[in-house]
Amino acid sequence: MPLPEFNEEGDLPEGVYRATLSQVVARFGLGSVQREAVTARLRRIHELALSTGALQSLIVFGSYVSDKPDPNDVDVVLVMRDDFHPSTCPPEALSLFDHSRASVEFGASIFWIRPGMLLGRPLDEFITHWQVKRNRGRRGIVEVEA
């Protein structure tokens, strides 16, 4: 399913859209030097998360998946398998799992979760929550399956 057009606010319409990383890059990765730089960060984050062997999916939200010409960063949630623990990941990927370090090292706002951490709450419900904007409105987000 192709990613939909932006709404009048410049966001994807409300919903969780599944796409490959290639589809995300083709849709959001070009247009300005800044957007291309942020895309390179997203590619690196995805590569490092995959190197753990435990990535289930990567949720992309915020200005990167909007019509904003120059997003400052990329916002992601890494959904890791329940058997994942940061101490077992490759050293170069470790900073993905420390929000402050990730912000400095990747210029990204990275959150992570294991479904078991949700204490019975459905993963889909958790993912859907990331559609809420600061103004309490809702926007579409993209789930990149590993």
Protein backbone atom coordinates (compact mmCIF):
# COMPACT_ATOMS: atom_id res chain seq x y z
CA MET A 1 0.00 0.00 0.00
CA PRO A 2 1.52 3.34 -0.99
CA LEU A 3 1.95 6.04 1.60
CA PRO A 4 -0.92 8.57 1.36
CA GLU A 5 -0.69 12.21 0.41
CA PHE A 6 -0.27 14.81 3.16
CA ASN A 7 -3.33 16.39 4.72
CA GLU A 8 -3.96 20.16 4.91
CA GLU A 9 -1.67 20.40 7.98
CA GLY A 10 1.24 18.85 6.08
CA ASP A 11 1.08 15.53 7.94
CA LEU A 12 0.17 12.04 6.86
CA PRO A 13 -3.51 11.39 7.60
CA GLU A 14 -4.11 9.66 10.93
CA GLY A 15 -3.08 6.01 10.81
CA VAL A 16 -0.17 3.63 11.07
CA TYR A 17 1.27 3.01 7.61
CA ARG A 18 3.55 0.05 7.00
CA ALA A 19 6.40 0.53 4.56
CA THR A 20 9.89 -0.67 3.79
CA LEU A 21 12.83 1.57 4.56
CA SER A 22 13.30 2.02 0.80
CA GLN A 23 9.72 3.28 0.48
CA VAL A 24 10.24 5.69 3.39
CA VAL A 25 13.45 7.05 1.88
CA ALA A 26 11.86 7.40 -1.57
CA ARG A 27 8.95 9.37 -0.10
CA PHE A 28 10.62 11.47 2.61
CA GLY A 29 14.37 11.31 1.98
CA LEU A 30 14.83 13.89 -0.75
CA GLY A 31 14.12 17.55 -1.33
CA SER A 32 16.69 19.49 0.66
CA VAL A 33 20.22 19.06 1.95
CA GLN A 34 18.85 18.89 5.51
CA ARG A 35 16.26 16.26 4.63
CA GLU A 36 18.96 14.14 2.96
CA ALA A 37 21.20 14.49 6.03
CA VAL A 38 18.39 13.39 8.34
CA THR A 39 17.69 10.48 6.00
CA ALA A 40 21.31 9.37 6.31
CA ARG A 41 20.82 9.35 10.10
CA LEU A 42 17.69 7.24 9.77
CA ARG A 43 19.51 4.75 7.55
CA ARG A 44 22.34 4.48 10.11
CA ILE A 45 19.89 4.00 13.00
CA HIS A 46 18.10 1.26 11.06
CA GLU A 47 21.39 -0.44 10.17
CA LEU A 48 22.59 -0.43 13.79
CA ALA A 49 19.23 -1.59 15.12
CA LEU A 50 19.28 -4.49 12.64
CA SER A 51 22.81 -5.37 13.78
CA THR A 52 21.39 -6.32 17.17
CA GLY A 53 19.50 -9.21 15.58
CA ALA A 54 16.48 -8.26 17.71
CA LEU A 55 14.70 -5.46 15.83
CA GLN A 56 11.00 -6.17 15.30
CA SER A 57 10.07 -2.84 13.75
CA LEU A 58 11.01 0.82 13.67
CA ILE A 59 8.32 3.50 14.03
CA VAL A 60 9.03 6.85 12.34
CA PHE A 61 7.03 9.90 13.39
CA GLY A 62 7.31 13.66 13.67
CA SER A 63 8.48 16.23 11.15
CA TYR A 64 10.48 13.73 9.10
CA VAL A 65 7.25 12.11 7.87
CA SER A 66 5.65 15.48 7.11
CA ASP A 67 5.98 18.05 4.33
CA LYS A 68 8.36 20.17 6.44
CA PRO A 69 11.25 20.96 4.06
CA ASP A 70 13.98 20.90 6.69
CA PRO A 71 13.24 18.56 9.62
CA ASN A 72 15.72 19.07 12.46
CA ASP A 73 15.90 15.39 13.32
CA VAL A 74 14.17 12.07 12.97
CA ASP A 75 11.96 10.65 15.70
CA VAL A 76 11.86 6.87 16.05
CA VAL A 77 10.69 4.11 18.34
CA LEU A 78 12.63 0.86 18.11
CA VAL A 79 10.42 -2.13 18.86
CA MET A 80 12.78 -4.89 19.97
CA ARG A 81 12.08 -8.57 20.58
CA ASP A 82 11.34 -9.53 24.18
CA ASP A 83 14.62 -11.45 24.50
CA PHE A 84 16.66 -8.31 23.70
CA HIS A 85 18.84 -6.59 26.27
CA PRO A 86 21.13 -3.65 25.40
CA SER A 87 24.09 -5.32 27.09
CA THR A 88 24.02 -7.99 24.37
CA CYS A 89 24.12 -5.67 21.39
CA PRO A 90 27.19 -4.71 19.35
CA PRO A 91 29.10 -1.84 21.02
CA GLU A 92 28.48 0.53 18.09
CA ALA A 93 24.71 0.08 18.53
CA LEU A 94 24.65 0.63 22.30
CA SER A 95 24.00 4.37 22.13
CA LEU A 96 20.68 3.72 20.34
CA PHE A 97 19.29 2.58 23.68
CA ASP A 98 20.29 5.68 25.67
CA HIS A 99 17.98 8.55 24.68
CA SER A 100 20.43 11.35 25.60
CA ARG A 101 23.42 9.73 23.89
CA ALA A 102 21.36 8.96 20.80
CA SER A 103 20.28 12.58 20.54
CA VAL A 104 23.91 13.75 20.54
CA GLU A 105 25.41 10.96 18.44
CA PHE A 106 22.66 10.53 15.86
CA GLY A 107 20.78 13.82 15.90
CA ALA A 108 17.67 11.77 16.53
CA SER A 109 15.07 11.29 19.20
CA ILE A 110 15.13 7.54 19.79
CA PHE A 111 12.89 5.59 22.12
CA TRP A 112 12.79 1.82 22.47
CA ILE A 113 10.50 -0.85 23.86
CA ARG A 114 10.17 -4.59 24.22
CA PRO A 115 6.52 -5.74 23.96
CA GLY A 116 6.85 -7.49 27.34
CA MET A 117 7.55 -4.11 28.97
CA LEU A 118 3.95 -3.12 28.19
CA LEU A 119 2.59 -5.37 30.96
CA GLY A 120 -0.20 -6.84 28.86
CA ARG A 121 -1.08 -3.67 26.98
CA PRO A 122 -1.35 -4.46 23.25
CA LEU A 123 1.65 -3.42 21.16
CA ASP A 124 -0.65 -1.97 18.48
CA GLU A 125 -2.21 0.33 21.10
CA PHE A 126 1.26 1.50 22.16
CA ILE A 127 2.27 2.19 18.56
CA THR A 128 -0.98 4.03 17.82
CA HIS A 129 -0.26 6.42 20.72
CA TRP A 130 2.71 7.90 18.80
CA GLN A 131 0.22 9.55 16.42
CA VAL A 132 -0.61 12.15 19.08
CA LYS A 133 0.99 15.54 18.39
CA ARG A 134 2.02 18.13 20.96
CA ASN A 135 -1.18 20.06 20.29
CA ARG A 136 -3.13 16.82 21.01
CA GLY A 137 -4.09 16.46 17.35
CA ARG A 138 -3.28 13.25 15.52
CA ARG A 139 -1.11 12.52 12.52
CA GLY A 140 -0.02 9.48 10.58
CA ILE A 141 3.14 7.55 11.43
CA VAL A 142 5.12 4.90 9.58
CA GLU A 143 6.08 1.43 10.78
CA VAL A 144 9.13 -0.05 9.08
CA GLU A 145 9.21 -3.81 9.61
CA ALA A 146 12.62 -5.37 10.17
